[in-house]
Protein backbone atom coordinates (compact mmCIF):
# COMPACT_ATOMS: atom_id res chain seq x y z
CA UNK A 1 0.00 0.00 0.00
CA UNK A 2 1.33 3.42 -0.90
CA UNK A 3 0.09 6.92 -0.42
CA UNK A 4 0.61 10.11 -2.43
CA UNK A 5 3.71 12.12 -1.59
CA UNK A 6 3.01 15.00 0.79
CA UNK A 7 4.69 18.21 -0.37
CA UNK A 8 3.27 20.54 2.28
CA UNK A 9 1.00 20.11 5.29
CA UNK A 10 -0.33 22.58 7.81
CA UNK A 11 -3.43 22.87 9.96
CA UNK A 12 -5.42 24.25 7.03
CA UNK A 13 -3.64 23.06 3.87
CA UNK A 14 -2.53 19.72 2.46
CA UNK A 15 -0.64 19.56 -0.84
CA UNK A 16 0.25 16.12 -2.18
CA UNK A 17 1.08 14.42 -5.45
CA UNK A 18 -1.89 14.06 -7.76
CA UNK A 19 -1.04 11.15 -10.02
CA UNK A 20 -0.47 7.66 -8.75
CA UNK A 21 -0.01 4.71 -11.13
CA UNK A 22 -3.29 3.01 -10.29
CA UNK A 23 -6.96 2.55 -11.17
CA UNK A 24 -10.11 3.76 -9.45
CA UNK A 25 -11.77 1.25 -7.15
CA UNK A 26 -14.93 1.77 -9.22
CA UNK A 27 -13.25 -0.01 -12.14
CA UNK A 28 -12.97 -3.20 -10.08
CA UNK A 29 -16.40 -2.94 -8.46
CA UNK A 30 -18.08 -2.85 -11.88
CA UNK A 31 -16.47 -6.17 -12.88
CA UNK A 32 -18.69 -7.99 -10.37
CA UNK A 33 -15.97 -10.42 -9.33
CA UNK A 34 -17.20 -11.55 -5.91
CA UNK A 35 -13.83 -12.81 -4.66
CA UNK A 36 -12.05 -9.63 -5.73
CA UNK A 37 -14.77 -7.44 -4.20
CA UNK A 38 -14.50 -9.31 -0.88
CA UNK A 39 -10.72 -8.87 -0.90
CA UNK A 40 -11.01 -5.16 -1.70
CA UNK A 41 -13.64 -4.72 1.04
CA UNK A 42 -11.39 -6.45 3.60
CA UNK A 43 -8.41 -4.30 2.64
CA UNK A 44 -10.64 -1.21 2.88
CA UNK A 45 -11.87 -2.16 6.35
CA UNK A 46 -8.31 -2.80 7.53
CA UNK A 47 -7.16 0.52 6.10
CA UNK A 48 -9.97 2.54 7.73
CA UNK A 49 -9.35 0.83 11.09
CA UNK A 50 -5.60 1.54 10.82
CA UNK A 51 -6.32 5.21 10.03
CA UNK A 52 -8.65 5.61 13.01
CA UNK A 53 -6.93 3.45 15.63
CA UNK A 54 -3.20 3.64 14.90
CA UNK A 55 -2.81 6.85 12.92
CA UNK A 56 -5.51 8.88 14.74
CA UNK A 57 -6.58 10.23 11.35
CA UNK A 58 -9.77 9.98 9.32
CA UNK A 59 -9.87 10.75 5.61
CA UNK A 60 -13.07 12.76 5.26
CA UNK A 61 -13.51 12.34 1.51
CA UNK A 62 -13.53 8.57 0.91
CA UNK A 63 -15.31 7.88 -2.36
CA UNK A 64 -14.53 5.78 -5.41
CA UNK A 65 -12.64 8.60 -7.08
CA UNK A 66 -10.29 8.96 -4.11
CA UNK A 67 -9.64 5.26 -3.55
CA UNK A 68 -7.12 3.87 -6.01
CA UNK A 69 -5.84 0.33 -6.48
CA UNK A 70 -2.35 -0.42 -7.74
CA UNK A 71 -1.70 -3.46 -9.87
CA UNK A 72 1.21 -5.52 -8.56
CA UNK A 73 3.01 -7.43 -11.32
CA UNK A 74 3.32 -11.17 -10.80
CA UNK A 75 6.92 -12.40 -10.80
PDB file of N, CA and C in Angstrom:
ATOM      1  N   UNK A   1       0.848  -1.162   0.000  1.00  0.00           N
ATOM      2  CA  UNK A   1       0.000   0.000   0.000  1.00  0.00           C
ATOM      3  C   UNK A   1       0.900   1.233   0.000  1.00  0.00           C
ATOM      4  N   UNK A   2       0.587   2.169  -0.863  1.00  0.00           N
ATOM      5  CA  UNK A   2       1.335   3.423  -0.904  1.00  0.00           C
ATOM      6  C   UNK A   2       0.369   4.590  -0.844  1.00  0.00           C
ATOM      7  N   UNK A   3       0.893   5.702  -0.520  1.00  0.00           N
ATOM      8  CA  UNK A   3       0.092   6.916  -0.419  1.00  0.00           C
ATOM      9  C   UNK A   3       0.760   8.007  -1.238  1.00  0.00           C
ATOM     10  N   UNK A   4      -0.003   8.999  -1.686  1.00  0.00           N
ATOM     11  CA  UNK A   4       0.608  10.111  -2.427  1.00  0.00           C
ATOM     12  C   UNK A   4       1.692  10.799  -1.583  1.00  0.00           C
ATOM     13  N   UNK A   5       2.643  11.390  -2.258  1.00  0.00           N
ATOM     14  CA  UNK A   5       3.707  12.121  -1.594  1.00  0.00           C
ATOM     15  C   UNK A   5       3.165  13.450  -1.065  1.00  0.00           C
ATOM     16  N   UNK A   6       3.436  13.733   0.203  1.00  0.00           N
ATOM     17  CA  UNK A   6       3.006  15.000   0.793  1.00  0.00           C
ATOM     18  C   UNK A   6       4.102  16.033   0.556  1.00  0.00           C
ATOM     19  N   UNK A   7       3.731  17.137  -0.102  1.00  0.00           N
ATOM     20  CA  UNK A   7       4.685  18.211  -0.370  1.00  0.00           C
ATOM     21  C   UNK A   7       4.618  19.295   0.690  1.00  0.00           C
ATOM     22  N   UNK A   8       3.428  19.516   1.245  1.00  0.00           N
ATOM     23  CA  UNK A   8       3.265  20.537   2.282  1.00  0.00           C
ATOM     24  C   UNK A   8       2.036  20.185   3.104  1.00  0.00           C
ATOM     25  N   UNK A   9       2.140  20.356   4.412  1.00  0.00           N
ATOM     26  CA  UNK A   9       0.998  20.108   5.289  1.00  0.00           C
ATOM     27  C   UNK A   9       1.007  21.121   6.422  1.00  0.00           C
ATOM     28  N   UNK A  10      -0.148  21.697   6.669  1.00  0.00           N
ATOM     29  CA  UNK A  10      -0.332  22.578   7.811  1.00  0.00           C
ATOM     30  C   UNK A  10      -1.720  22.300   8.376  1.00  0.00           C
ATOM     31  N   UNK A  11      -2.113  23.057   9.353  1.00  0.00           N
ATOM     32  CA  UNK A  11      -3.429  22.868   9.963  1.00  0.00           C
ATOM     33  C   UNK A  11      -4.552  23.041   8.944  1.00  0.00           C
ATOM     34  N   UNK A  12      -4.350  23.917   7.972  1.00  0.00           N
ATOM     35  CA  UNK A  12      -5.417  24.252   7.030  1.00  0.00           C
ATOM     36  C   UNK A  12      -5.183  23.790   5.597  1.00  0.00           C
ATOM     37  N   UNK A  13      -3.965  23.364   5.264  1.00  0.00           N
ATOM     38  CA  UNK A  13      -3.635  23.058   3.873  1.00  0.00           C
ATOM     39  C   UNK A  13      -2.886  21.733   3.777  1.00  0.00           C
ATOM     40  N   UNK A  14      -3.255  20.943   2.775  1.00  0.00           N
ATOM     41  CA  UNK A  14      -2.529  19.717   2.461  1.00  0.00           C
ATOM     42  C   UNK A  14      -2.275  19.703   0.959  1.00  0.00           C
ATOM     43  N   UNK A  15      -1.004  19.635   0.570  1.00  0.00           N
ATOM     44  CA  UNK A  15      -0.643  19.556  -0.838  1.00  0.00           C
ATOM     45  C   UNK A  15       0.127  18.256  -1.019  1.00  0.00           C
ATOM     46  N   UNK A  16      -0.385  17.412  -1.939  1.00  0.00           N
ATOM     47  CA  UNK A  16       0.253  16.122  -2.175  1.00  0.00           C
ATOM     48  C   UNK A  16       0.247  15.817  -3.669  1.00  0.00           C
ATOM     49  N   UNK A  17       1.007  14.788  -4.043  1.00  0.00           N
ATOM     50  CA  UNK A  17       1.080  14.419  -5.454  1.00  0.00           C
ATOM     51  C   UNK A  17      -0.304  14.012  -5.944  1.00  0.00           C
ATOM     52  N   UNK A  18      -0.560  14.322  -7.205  1.00  0.00           N
ATOM     53  CA  UNK A  18      -1.887  14.062  -7.757  1.00  0.00           C
ATOM     54  C   UNK A  18      -1.955  12.704  -8.420  1.00  0.00           C
ATOM     55  N   UNK A  19      -0.972  12.365  -9.223  1.00  0.00           N
ATOM     56  CA  UNK A  19      -1.039  11.145 -10.016  1.00  0.00           C
ATOM     57  C   UNK A  19      -0.349   9.986  -9.314  1.00  0.00           C
ATOM     58  N   UNK A  20      -1.041   8.909  -9.210  1.00  0.00           N
ATOM     59  CA  UNK A  20      -0.465   7.656  -8.753  1.00  0.00           C
ATOM     60  C   UNK A  20      -0.761   6.626  -9.841  1.00  0.00           C
ATOM     61  N   UNK A  21       0.168   5.727 -10.109  1.00  0.00           N
ATOM     62  CA  UNK A  21      -0.008   4.708 -11.135  1.00  0.00           C
ATOM     63  C   UNK A  21      -0.977   3.647 -10.619  1.00  0.00           C
ATOM     64  N   UNK A  22      -2.272   3.892 -10.848  1.00  0.00           N
ATOM     65  CA  UNK A  22      -3.293   3.015 -10.292  1.00  0.00           C
ATOM     66  C   UNK A  22      -4.619   3.216 -11.016  1.00  0.00           C
ATOM     67  N   UNK A  23      -5.627   2.440 -10.591  1.00  0.00           N
ATOM     68  CA  UNK A  23      -6.964   2.552 -11.168  1.00  0.00           C
ATOM     69  C   UNK A  23      -7.971   2.819 -10.064  1.00  0.00           C
ATOM     70  N   UNK A  24      -9.051   3.483 -10.415  1.00  0.00           N
ATOM     71  CA  UNK A  24     -10.114   3.764  -9.454  1.00  0.00           C
ATOM     72  C   UNK A  24     -10.740   2.466  -8.970  1.00  0.00           C
ATOM     73  N   UNK A  25     -11.116   2.433  -7.707  1.00  0.00           N
ATOM     74  CA  UNK A  25     -11.766   1.254  -7.146  1.00  0.00           C
ATOM     75  C   UNK A  25     -13.069   0.940  -7.886  1.00  0.00           C
ATOM     76  N   UNK A  26     -13.688   1.953  -8.463  1.00  0.00           N
ATOM     77  CA  UNK A  26     -14.933   1.765  -9.217  1.00  0.00           C
ATOM     78  C   UNK A  26     -14.730   0.825 -10.403  1.00  0.00           C
ATOM     79  N   UNK A  27     -13.562   0.858 -11.015  1.00  0.00           N
ATOM     80  CA  UNK A  27     -13.251  -0.014 -12.142  1.00  0.00           C
ATOM     81  C   UNK A  27     -13.385  -1.481 -11.740  1.00  0.00           C
ATOM     82  N   UNK A  28     -12.923  -1.813 -10.546  1.00  0.00           N
ATOM     83  CA  UNK A  28     -12.970  -3.197 -10.084  1.00  0.00           C
ATOM     84  C   UNK A  28     -14.365  -3.578  -9.602  1.00  0.00           C
ATOM     85  N   UNK A  29     -15.058  -2.657  -8.969  1.00  0.00           N
ATOM     86  CA  UNK A  29     -16.401  -2.938  -8.458  1.00  0.00           C
ATOM     87  C   UNK A  29     -17.362  -3.255  -9.593  1.00  0.00           C
ATOM     88  N   UNK A  30     -17.188  -2.625 -10.735  1.00  0.00           N
ATOM     89  CA  UNK A  30     -18.079  -2.851 -11.877  1.00  0.00           C
ATOM     90  C   UNK A  30     -17.877  -4.208 -12.533  1.00  0.00           C
ATOM     91  N   UNK A  31     -16.744  -4.865 -12.269  1.00  0.00           N
ATOM     92  CA  UNK A  31     -16.466  -6.171 -12.877  1.00  0.00           C
ATOM     93  C   UNK A  31     -17.258  -7.299 -12.226  1.00  0.00           C
ATOM     94  N   UNK A  32     -17.854  -7.036 -11.087  1.00  0.00           N
ATOM     95  CA  UNK A  32     -18.693  -7.995 -10.373  1.00  0.00           C
ATOM     96  C   UNK A  32     -17.990  -9.323 -10.099  1.00  0.00           C
ATOM     97  N   UNK A  33     -16.727  -9.252  -9.736  1.00  0.00           N
ATOM     98  CA  UNK A  33     -15.967 -10.420  -9.334  1.00  0.00           C
ATOM     99  C   UNK A  33     -16.083 -10.524  -7.815  1.00  0.00           C
ATOM    100  N   UNK A  34     -16.891 -11.469  -7.333  1.00  0.00           N
ATOM    101  CA  UNK A  34     -17.204 -11.546  -5.907  1.00  0.00           C
ATOM    102  C   UNK A  34     -15.962 -11.731  -5.040  1.00  0.00           C
ATOM    103  N   UNK A  35     -15.044 -12.592  -5.458  1.00  0.00           N
ATOM    104  CA  UNK A  35     -13.832 -12.811  -4.659  1.00  0.00           C
ATOM    105  C   UNK A  35     -12.979 -11.550  -4.588  1.00  0.00           C
ATOM    106  N   UNK A  36     -12.843 -10.856  -5.722  1.00  0.00           N
ATOM    107  CA  UNK A  36     -12.052  -9.626  -5.730  1.00  0.00           C
ATOM    108  C   UNK A  36     -12.730  -8.556  -4.884  1.00  0.00           C
ATOM    109  N   UNK A  37     -14.052  -8.440  -4.988  1.00  0.00           N
ATOM    110  CA  UNK A  37     -14.770  -7.438  -4.205  1.00  0.00           C
ATOM    111  C   UNK A  37     -14.652  -7.703  -2.705  1.00  0.00           C
ATOM    112  N   UNK A  38     -14.679  -8.974  -2.305  1.00  0.00           N
ATOM    113  CA  UNK A  38     -14.500  -9.312  -0.882  1.00  0.00           C
ATOM    114  C   UNK A  38     -13.097  -8.941  -0.411  1.00  0.00           C
ATOM    115  N   UNK A  39     -12.106  -9.211  -1.244  1.00  0.00           N
ATOM    116  CA  UNK A  39     -10.717  -8.869  -0.896  1.00  0.00           C
ATOM    117  C   UNK A  39     -10.559  -7.354  -0.778  1.00  0.00           C
ATOM    118  N   UNK A  40     -11.095  -6.621  -1.738  1.00  0.00           N
ATOM    119  CA  UNK A  40     -11.005  -5.159  -1.701  1.00  0.00           C
ATOM    120  C   UNK A  40     -11.731  -4.610  -0.475  1.00  0.00           C
ATOM    121  N   UNK A  41     -12.895  -5.174  -0.144  1.00  0.00           N
ATOM    122  CA  UNK A  41     -13.640  -4.725   1.038  1.00  0.00           C
ATOM    123  C   UNK A  41     -12.834  -4.978   2.309  1.00  0.00           C
ATOM    124  N   UNK A  42     -12.189  -6.141   2.416  1.00  0.00           N
ATOM    125  CA  UNK A  42     -11.388  -6.450   3.603  1.00  0.00           C
ATOM    126  C   UNK A  42     -10.201  -5.512   3.730  1.00  0.00           C
ATOM    127  N   UNK A  43      -9.529  -5.246   2.624  1.00  0.00           N
ATOM    128  CA  UNK A  43      -8.408  -4.302   2.639  1.00  0.00           C
ATOM    129  C   UNK A  43      -8.905  -2.916   3.052  1.00  0.00           C
ATOM    130  N   UNK A  44     -10.066  -2.507   2.526  1.00  0.00           N
ATOM    131  CA  UNK A  44     -10.640  -1.211   2.885  1.00  0.00           C
ATOM    132  C   UNK A  44     -10.959  -1.106   4.359  1.00  0.00           C
ATOM    133  N   UNK A  45     -11.555  -2.153   4.921  1.00  0.00           N
ATOM    134  CA  UNK A  45     -11.870  -2.164   6.355  1.00  0.00           C
ATOM    135  C   UNK A  45     -10.590  -2.065   7.177  1.00  0.00           C
ATOM    136  N   UNK A  46      -9.594  -2.846   6.809  1.00  0.00           N
ATOM    137  CA  UNK A  46      -8.314  -2.803   7.534  1.00  0.00           C
ATOM    138  C   UNK A  46      -7.676  -1.424   7.461  1.00  0.00           C
ATOM    139  N   UNK A  47      -7.759  -0.796   6.281  1.00  0.00           N
ATOM    140  CA  UNK A  47      -7.160   0.525   6.098  1.00  0.00           C
ATOM    141  C   UNK A  47      -7.865   1.580   6.939  1.00  0.00           C
ATOM    142  N   UNK A  48      -9.207   1.563   6.935  1.00  0.00           N
ATOM    143  CA  UNK A  48      -9.965   2.536   7.733  1.00  0.00           C
ATOM    144  C   UNK A  48      -9.679   2.340   9.220  1.00  0.00           C
ATOM    145  N   UNK A  49      -9.652   1.089   9.671  1.00  0.00           N
ATOM    146  CA  UNK A  49      -9.349   0.834  11.088  1.00  0.00           C
ATOM    147  C   UNK A  49      -7.946   1.307  11.446  1.00  0.00           C
ATOM    148  N   UNK A  50      -6.961   1.068  10.555  1.00  0.00           N
ATOM    149  CA  UNK A  50      -5.598   1.535  10.815  1.00  0.00           C
ATOM    150  C   UNK A  50      -5.575   3.057  10.920  1.00  0.00           C
ATOM    151  N   UNK A  51      -6.286   3.742   9.989  1.00  0.00           N
ATOM    152  CA  UNK A  51      -6.318   5.208  10.028  1.00  0.00           C
ATOM    153  C   UNK A  51      -6.869   5.696  11.365  1.00  0.00           C
ATOM    154  N   UNK A  52      -7.989   5.118  11.799  1.00  0.00           N
ATOM    155  CA  UNK A  52      -8.651   5.614  13.012  1.00  0.00           C
ATOM    156  C   UNK A  52      -7.923   5.219  14.288  1.00  0.00           C
ATOM    157  N   UNK A  53      -7.482   3.964  14.372  1.00  0.00           N
ATOM    158  CA  UNK A  53      -6.931   3.447  15.631  1.00  0.00           C
ATOM    159  C   UNK A  53      -5.443   3.766  15.787  1.00  0.00           C
ATOM    160  N   UNK A  54      -4.653   3.473  14.769  1.00  0.00           N
ATOM    161  CA  UNK A  54      -3.205   3.637  14.898  1.00  0.00           C
ATOM    162  C   UNK A  54      -2.711   5.024  14.504  1.00  0.00           C
ATOM    163  N   UNK A  55      -3.295   5.576  13.434  1.00  0.00           N
ATOM    164  CA  UNK A  55      -2.809   6.853  12.917  1.00  0.00           C
ATOM    165  C   UNK A  55      -3.543   8.054  13.510  1.00  0.00           C
ATOM    166  N   UNK A  56      -4.681   7.803  14.180  1.00  0.00           N
ATOM    167  CA  UNK A  56      -5.510   8.877  14.743  1.00  0.00           C
ATOM    168  C   UNK A  56      -5.852   9.906  13.667  1.00  0.00           C
ATOM    169  N   UNK A  57      -6.295   9.390  12.517  1.00  0.00           N
ATOM    170  CA  UNK A  57      -6.579  10.225  11.353  1.00  0.00           C
ATOM    171  C   UNK A  57      -7.763   9.623  10.619  1.00  0.00           C
ATOM    172  N   UNK A  58      -8.656  10.461  10.118  1.00  0.00           N
ATOM    173  CA  UNK A  58      -9.771   9.984   9.317  1.00  0.00           C
ATOM    174  C   UNK A  58      -9.823  10.787   8.029  1.00  0.00           C
ATOM    175  N   UNK A  59      -9.744  10.100   6.912  1.00  0.00           N
ATOM    176  CA  UNK A  59      -9.873  10.745   5.607  1.00  0.00           C
ATOM    177  C   UNK A  59     -11.348  11.062   5.418  1.00  0.00           C
ATOM    178  N   UNK A  60     -11.679  12.329   5.275  1.00  0.00           N
ATOM    179  CA  UNK A  60     -13.075  12.761   5.264  1.00  0.00           C
ATOM    180  C   UNK A  60     -13.700  12.758   3.875  1.00  0.00           C
ATOM    181  N   UNK A  61     -12.982  12.298   2.870  1.00  0.00           N
ATOM    182  CA  UNK A  61     -13.513  12.336   1.512  1.00  0.00           C
ATOM    183  C   UNK A  61     -13.309  10.997   0.807  1.00  0.00           C
ATOM    184  N   UNK A  62     -13.696   9.912   1.479  1.00  0.00           N
ATOM    185  CA  UNK A  62     -13.529   8.567   0.909  1.00  0.00           C
ATOM    186  C   UNK A  62     -14.670   8.264  -0.061  1.00  0.00           C
ATOM    187  N   UNK A  63     -14.369   8.304  -1.332  1.00  0.00           N
ATOM    188  CA  UNK A  63     -15.314   7.877  -2.359  1.00  0.00           C
ATOM    189  C   UNK A  63     -14.507   7.204  -3.459  1.00  0.00           C
ATOM    190  N   UNK A  64     -15.201   6.569  -4.376  1.00  0.00           N
ATOM    191  CA  UNK A  64     -14.532   5.785  -5.409  1.00  0.00           C
ATOM    192  C   UNK A  64     -13.467   6.527  -6.185  1.00  0.00           C
ATOM    193  N   UNK A  65     -13.638   7.825  -6.360  1.00  0.00           N
ATOM    194  CA  UNK A  65     -12.636   8.604  -7.078  1.00  0.00           C
ATOM    195  C   UNK A  65     -11.372   8.858  -6.284  1.00  0.00           C
ATOM    196  N   UNK A  66     -11.449   8.719  -4.969  1.00  0.00           N
ATOM    197  CA  UNK A  66     -10.286   8.960  -4.111  1.00  0.00           C
ATOM    198  C   UNK A  66      -9.640   7.671  -3.606  1.00  0.00           C
ATOM    199  N   UNK A  67     -10.207   6.545  -3.964  1.00  0.00           N
ATOM    200  CA  UNK A  67      -9.640   5.265  -3.546  1.00  0.00           C
ATOM    201  C   UNK A  67      -9.099   4.581  -4.792  1.00  0.00           C
ATOM    202  N   UNK A  68      -7.787   4.414  -4.836  1.00  0.00           N
ATOM    203  CA  UNK A  68      -7.123   3.869  -6.013  1.00  0.00           C
ATOM    204  C   UNK A  68      -6.472   2.535  -5.680  1.00  0.00           C
ATOM    205  N   UNK A  69      -6.443   1.647  -6.650  1.00  0.00           N
ATOM    206  CA  UNK A  69      -5.844   0.325  -6.476  1.00  0.00           C
ATOM    207  C   UNK A  69      -4.683   0.188  -7.446  1.00  0.00           C
ATOM    208  N   UNK A  70      -3.524  -0.218  -6.912  1.00  0.00           N
ATOM    209  CA  UNK A  70      -2.348  -0.417  -7.739  1.00  0.00           C
ATOM    210  C   UNK A  70      -2.278  -1.887  -8.155  1.00  0.00           C
ATOM    211  N   UNK A  71      -1.922  -2.105  -9.388  1.00  0.00           N
ATOM    212  CA  UNK A  71      -1.697  -3.464  -9.865  1.00  0.00           C
ATOM    213  C   UNK A  71      -0.272  -3.860  -9.522  1.00  0.00           C
ATOM    214  N   UNK A  72      -0.115  -5.016  -8.913  1.00  0.00           N
ATOM    215  CA  UNK A  72       1.211  -5.519  -8.558  1.00  0.00           C
ATOM    216  C   UNK A  72       1.569  -6.601  -9.567  1.00  0.00           C
ATOM    217  N   UNK A  73       2.646  -6.421 -10.313  1.00  0.00           N
ATOM    218  CA  UNK A  73       3.014  -7.431 -11.321  1.00  0.00           C
ATOM    219  C   UNK A  73       3.398  -8.753 -10.671  1.00  0.00           C
ATOM    220  N   UNK A  74       2.967  -9.832 -11.288  1.00  0.00           N
ATOM    221  CA  UNK A  74       3.323 -11.169 -10.802  1.00  0.00           C
ATOM    222  C   UNK A  74       4.711 -11.525 -11.316  1.00  0.00           C
ATOM    223  N   UNK A  75       5.555 -12.015 -10.406  1.00  0.00           N
ATOM    224  CA  UNK A  75       6.921 -12.402 -10.800  1.00  0.00           C
ATOM    225  C   UNK A  75       7.026 -13.883 -10.902  1.00  0.00           C
TER     226      UNK A  75
END
